[in-house]
Amino acid sequence: MSDDHISAESTVSGTQANIPARIRRELEIDDGDHLRWQIEDDGCIRIQVIQQQTGTFAEFDGYDGETATNVTAEHGAWGVDIE
């Protein structure tokens, strides 16, 4: 994010408001990202962008190595045939 102060405004339509394009570009907000809203004590709104993880391993938590595995016996469980 640049050090320059960026300001923009949008109009509320019904119960929705658009995020101005220059704000979306600066914060790299994309389809599927989440916005977390918080009202501060002074009435200001703080919005945190939660970037959506994408790709093949987006949901993969990883393997911590604490459980023994047997690749020969478990290989088929992953949809790979063993000959």
N, C-alpha and C. Protein backbone atom coordinates (compact mmCIF):
# COMPACT_ATOMS: atom_id res chain seq x y z
N MET A 1 0.85 -1.17 0.00
CA MET A 1 0.00 0.00 0.00
C MET A 1 0.89 1.23 0.00
N SER A 2 0.50 2.22 -0.76
CA SER A 2 1.31 3.43 -0.85
C SER A 2 1.15 4.28 0.40
N ASP A 3 2.06 5.22 0.58
CA ASP A 3 2.01 6.12 1.73
C ASP A 3 1.06 7.28 1.50
N ASP A 4 0.62 7.47 0.25
CA ASP A 4 -0.29 8.57 -0.06
C ASP A 4 -1.66 8.31 0.53
N HIS A 5 -2.29 9.38 1.02
CA HIS A 5 -3.64 9.28 1.56
C HIS A 5 -4.61 9.14 0.39
N ILE A 6 -5.41 8.10 0.41
CA ILE A 6 -6.39 7.89 -0.65
C ILE A 6 -7.77 8.06 -0.05
N SER A 7 -8.56 8.91 -0.68
CA SER A 7 -9.94 9.04 -0.22
C SER A 7 -10.85 8.93 -1.44
N ALA A 8 -12.00 8.39 -1.22
CA ALA A 8 -13.01 8.24 -2.26
C ALA A 8 -14.33 8.09 -1.56
N GLU A 9 -15.40 8.24 -2.29
CA GLU A 9 -16.72 8.07 -1.69
C GLU A 9 -17.61 7.31 -2.64
N SER A 10 -18.66 6.71 -2.07
CA SER A 10 -19.65 5.99 -2.86
C SER A 10 -21.02 6.26 -2.27
N THR A 11 -22.04 5.90 -3.01
CA THR A 11 -23.41 6.11 -2.59
C THR A 11 -24.04 4.79 -2.18
N VAL A 12 -24.80 4.81 -1.10
CA VAL A 12 -25.52 3.62 -0.66
C VAL A 12 -26.77 3.48 -1.50
N SER A 13 -27.01 2.24 -1.97
CA SER A 13 -28.21 1.94 -2.74
C SER A 13 -28.94 0.81 -2.05
N GLY A 14 -30.07 1.11 -1.44
CA GLY A 14 -30.78 0.10 -0.65
C GLY A 14 -29.95 -0.22 0.58
N THR A 15 -29.48 -1.46 0.68
CA THR A 15 -28.64 -1.86 1.82
C THR A 15 -27.21 -2.15 1.38
N GLN A 16 -26.83 -1.72 0.17
CA GLN A 16 -25.49 -2.01 -0.34
C GLN A 16 -24.75 -0.74 -0.70
N ALA A 17 -23.44 -0.81 -0.55
CA ALA A 17 -22.57 0.29 -0.97
C ALA A 17 -21.43 -0.30 -1.79
N ASN A 18 -21.05 0.38 -2.85
CA ASN A 18 -19.92 -0.05 -3.66
C ASN A 18 -18.63 0.43 -3.06
N ILE A 19 -17.58 -0.36 -3.23
CA ILE A 19 -16.24 0.06 -2.83
C ILE A 19 -15.62 0.74 -4.04
N PRO A 20 -15.22 2.00 -3.91
CA PRO A 20 -14.65 2.70 -5.06
C PRO A 20 -13.46 1.94 -5.66
N ALA A 21 -13.35 2.00 -6.99
CA ALA A 21 -12.32 1.24 -7.71
C ALA A 21 -10.92 1.55 -7.22
N ARG A 22 -10.62 2.80 -6.95
CA ARG A 22 -9.24 3.13 -6.51
C ARG A 22 -8.92 2.53 -5.15
N ILE A 23 -9.93 2.38 -4.28
CA ILE A 23 -9.73 1.73 -2.99
C ILE A 23 -9.52 0.22 -3.20
N ARG A 24 -10.37 -0.38 -4.06
CA ARG A 24 -10.23 -1.82 -4.36
C ARG A 24 -8.85 -2.13 -4.92
N ARG A 25 -8.40 -1.29 -5.85
CA ARG A 25 -7.07 -1.52 -6.45
C ARG A 25 -5.95 -1.38 -5.41
N GLU A 26 -6.01 -0.35 -4.60
CA GLU A 26 -4.96 -0.09 -3.60
C GLU A 26 -4.87 -1.21 -2.58
N LEU A 27 -6.04 -1.73 -2.16
CA LEU A 27 -6.07 -2.79 -1.14
C LEU A 27 -6.10 -4.18 -1.75
N GLU A 28 -6.08 -4.25 -3.09
CA GLU A 28 -6.10 -5.52 -3.82
C GLU A 28 -7.30 -6.38 -3.41
N ILE A 29 -8.47 -5.74 -3.30
CA ILE A 29 -9.70 -6.45 -2.98
C ILE A 29 -10.22 -7.10 -4.25
N ASP A 30 -10.55 -8.38 -4.16
CA ASP A 30 -10.99 -9.13 -5.34
C ASP A 30 -12.25 -9.91 -5.01
N ASP A 31 -12.89 -10.47 -6.04
CA ASP A 31 -14.07 -11.30 -5.84
C ASP A 31 -13.77 -12.40 -4.82
N GLY A 32 -14.70 -12.63 -3.91
CA GLY A 32 -14.54 -13.69 -2.92
C GLY A 32 -13.86 -13.24 -1.63
N ASP A 33 -13.21 -12.07 -1.64
CA ASP A 33 -12.60 -11.57 -0.41
C ASP A 33 -13.70 -11.19 0.58
N HIS A 34 -13.37 -11.19 1.85
CA HIS A 34 -14.33 -10.84 2.90
C HIS A 34 -13.92 -9.51 3.51
N LEU A 35 -14.91 -8.77 3.99
CA LEU A 35 -14.66 -7.52 4.71
C LEU A 35 -15.15 -7.70 6.14
N ARG A 36 -14.29 -7.41 7.10
CA ARG A 36 -14.66 -7.49 8.53
C ARG A 36 -14.87 -6.06 9.02
N TRP A 37 -16.05 -5.77 9.52
CA TRP A 37 -16.45 -4.42 9.93
C TRP A 37 -16.43 -4.30 11.45
N GLN A 38 -15.91 -3.17 11.93
CA GLN A 38 -15.89 -2.91 13.38
C GLN A 38 -16.17 -1.43 13.61
N ILE A 39 -17.11 -1.15 14.51
CA ILE A 39 -17.39 0.24 14.87
C ILE A 39 -16.55 0.58 16.08
N GLU A 40 -15.73 1.61 15.96
CA GLU A 40 -14.86 2.06 17.05
C GLU A 40 -15.66 2.91 18.04
N ASP A 41 -15.10 3.12 19.23
CA ASP A 41 -15.77 3.90 20.28
C ASP A 41 -16.09 5.32 19.83
N ASP A 42 -15.26 5.89 18.93
CA ASP A 42 -15.48 7.26 18.49
C ASP A 42 -16.43 7.34 17.29
N GLY A 43 -17.03 6.20 16.90
CA GLY A 43 -17.99 6.18 15.80
C GLY A 43 -17.37 5.92 14.44
N CYS A 44 -16.06 5.86 14.37
CA CYS A 44 -15.40 5.54 13.10
C CYS A 44 -15.56 4.04 12.80
N ILE A 45 -15.53 3.71 11.53
CA ILE A 45 -15.64 2.32 11.12
C ILE A 45 -14.28 1.83 10.67
N ARG A 46 -13.88 0.68 11.19
CA ARG A 46 -12.64 0.04 10.77
C ARG A 46 -13.03 -1.17 9.93
N ILE A 47 -12.45 -1.29 8.74
CA ILE A 47 -12.75 -2.40 7.84
C ILE A 47 -11.46 -3.15 7.56
N GLN A 48 -11.47 -4.44 7.82
CA GLN A 48 -10.30 -5.28 7.54
C GLN A 48 -10.62 -6.16 6.34
N VAL A 49 -9.71 -6.20 5.37
CA VAL A 49 -9.88 -7.04 4.19
C VAL A 49 -9.29 -8.42 4.50
N ILE A 50 -10.11 -9.45 4.33
CA ILE A 50 -9.66 -10.83 4.51
C ILE A 50 -9.56 -11.42 3.10
N GLN A 51 -8.32 -11.56 2.62
CA GLN A 51 -8.09 -12.05 1.27
C GLN A 51 -8.48 -13.52 1.19
N GLN A 52 -9.25 -13.87 0.16
CA GLN A 52 -9.67 -15.24 -0.06
C GLN A 52 -8.50 -16.03 -0.61
N GLN A 53 -8.22 -17.17 0.00
CA GLN A 53 -7.17 -18.04 -0.51
C GLN A 53 -7.74 -18.82 -1.68
N THR A 54 -6.96 -18.92 -2.74
CA THR A 54 -7.41 -19.64 -3.92
C THR A 54 -6.35 -20.63 -4.35
N GLY A 55 -6.74 -21.52 -5.21
CA GLY A 55 -5.79 -22.48 -5.76
C GLY A 55 -6.00 -23.87 -5.21
N THR A 56 -5.22 -24.78 -5.71
CA THR A 56 -5.35 -26.20 -5.39
C THR A 56 -5.24 -26.49 -3.90
N PHE A 57 -4.32 -25.83 -3.21
CA PHE A 57 -4.06 -26.14 -1.81
C PHE A 57 -4.65 -25.10 -0.85
N ALA A 58 -5.61 -24.32 -1.28
CA ALA A 58 -6.17 -23.26 -0.44
C ALA A 58 -6.79 -23.80 0.84
N GLU A 59 -7.41 -24.98 0.79
CA GLU A 59 -8.07 -25.55 1.95
C GLU A 59 -7.18 -26.52 2.72
N PHE A 60 -5.96 -26.73 2.26
CA PHE A 60 -5.07 -27.73 2.84
C PHE A 60 -4.39 -27.18 4.09
N ASP A 61 -4.58 -27.86 5.22
CA ASP A 61 -3.99 -27.41 6.48
C ASP A 61 -2.56 -27.89 6.67
N GLY A 62 -2.16 -28.87 5.88
CA GLY A 62 -0.80 -29.38 6.01
C GLY A 62 -0.75 -30.62 6.88
N TYR A 63 0.39 -31.21 6.94
CA TYR A 63 0.63 -32.43 7.72
C TYR A 63 1.70 -32.11 8.75
N ASP A 64 1.39 -32.31 10.01
CA ASP A 64 2.34 -31.92 11.06
C ASP A 64 3.39 -32.98 11.35
N GLY A 65 3.25 -34.18 10.76
CA GLY A 65 4.27 -35.20 10.90
C GLY A 65 4.19 -36.02 12.17
N GLU A 66 3.17 -35.83 12.99
CA GLU A 66 3.10 -36.55 14.25
C GLU A 66 2.50 -37.94 14.12
N THR A 67 1.76 -38.20 13.06
CA THR A 67 1.12 -39.49 12.87
C THR A 67 1.87 -40.27 11.79
N ALA A 68 2.18 -41.55 12.09
CA ALA A 68 2.87 -42.37 11.10
C ALA A 68 1.94 -42.65 9.93
N THR A 69 2.50 -42.68 8.73
CA THR A 69 1.72 -42.98 7.53
C THR A 69 2.34 -44.16 6.81
N ASN A 70 1.53 -44.81 6.01
CA ASN A 70 1.99 -45.93 5.19
C ASN A 70 1.55 -45.62 3.76
N VAL A 71 2.47 -45.11 2.96
CA VAL A 71 2.12 -44.65 1.63
C VAL A 71 1.56 -45.77 0.76
N THR A 72 2.04 -46.98 0.92
CA THR A 72 1.54 -48.09 0.10
C THR A 72 0.08 -48.39 0.44
N ALA A 73 -0.25 -48.46 1.72
CA ALA A 73 -1.61 -48.79 2.14
C ALA A 73 -2.57 -47.62 1.94
N GLU A 74 -2.11 -46.41 2.10
CA GLU A 74 -3.00 -45.25 2.07
C GLU A 74 -3.04 -44.55 0.72
N HIS A 75 -2.20 -44.94 -0.20
CA HIS A 75 -2.11 -44.26 -1.49
C HIS A 75 -3.45 -44.27 -2.21
N GLY A 76 -4.15 -45.42 -2.19
CA GLY A 76 -5.44 -45.54 -2.83
C GLY A 76 -6.49 -44.62 -2.25
N ALA A 77 -6.36 -44.24 -0.99
CA ALA A 77 -7.31 -43.35 -0.34
C ALA A 77 -7.30 -41.97 -0.98
N TRP A 78 -6.23 -41.63 -1.65
CA TRP A 78 -6.09 -40.32 -2.29
C TRP A 78 -6.50 -40.36 -3.76
N GLY A 79 -7.08 -41.49 -4.20
CA GLY A 79 -7.57 -41.58 -5.56
C GLY A 79 -6.52 -41.96 -6.58
N VAL A 80 -5.41 -42.53 -6.15
CA VAL A 80 -4.35 -42.95 -7.05
C VAL A 80 -4.28 -44.46 -7.01
N ASP A 81 -4.38 -45.09 -8.14
CA ASP A 81 -4.31 -46.55 -8.20
C ASP A 81 -2.86 -47.02 -8.12
N ILE A 82 -2.63 -48.08 -7.37
CA ILE A 82 -1.31 -48.70 -7.25
C ILE A 82 -1.34 -50.02 -8.00
N GLU A 83 -0.35 -50.24 -8.80
CA GLU A 83 -0.29 -51.51 -9.53
C GLU A 83 0.59 -52.50 -8.86
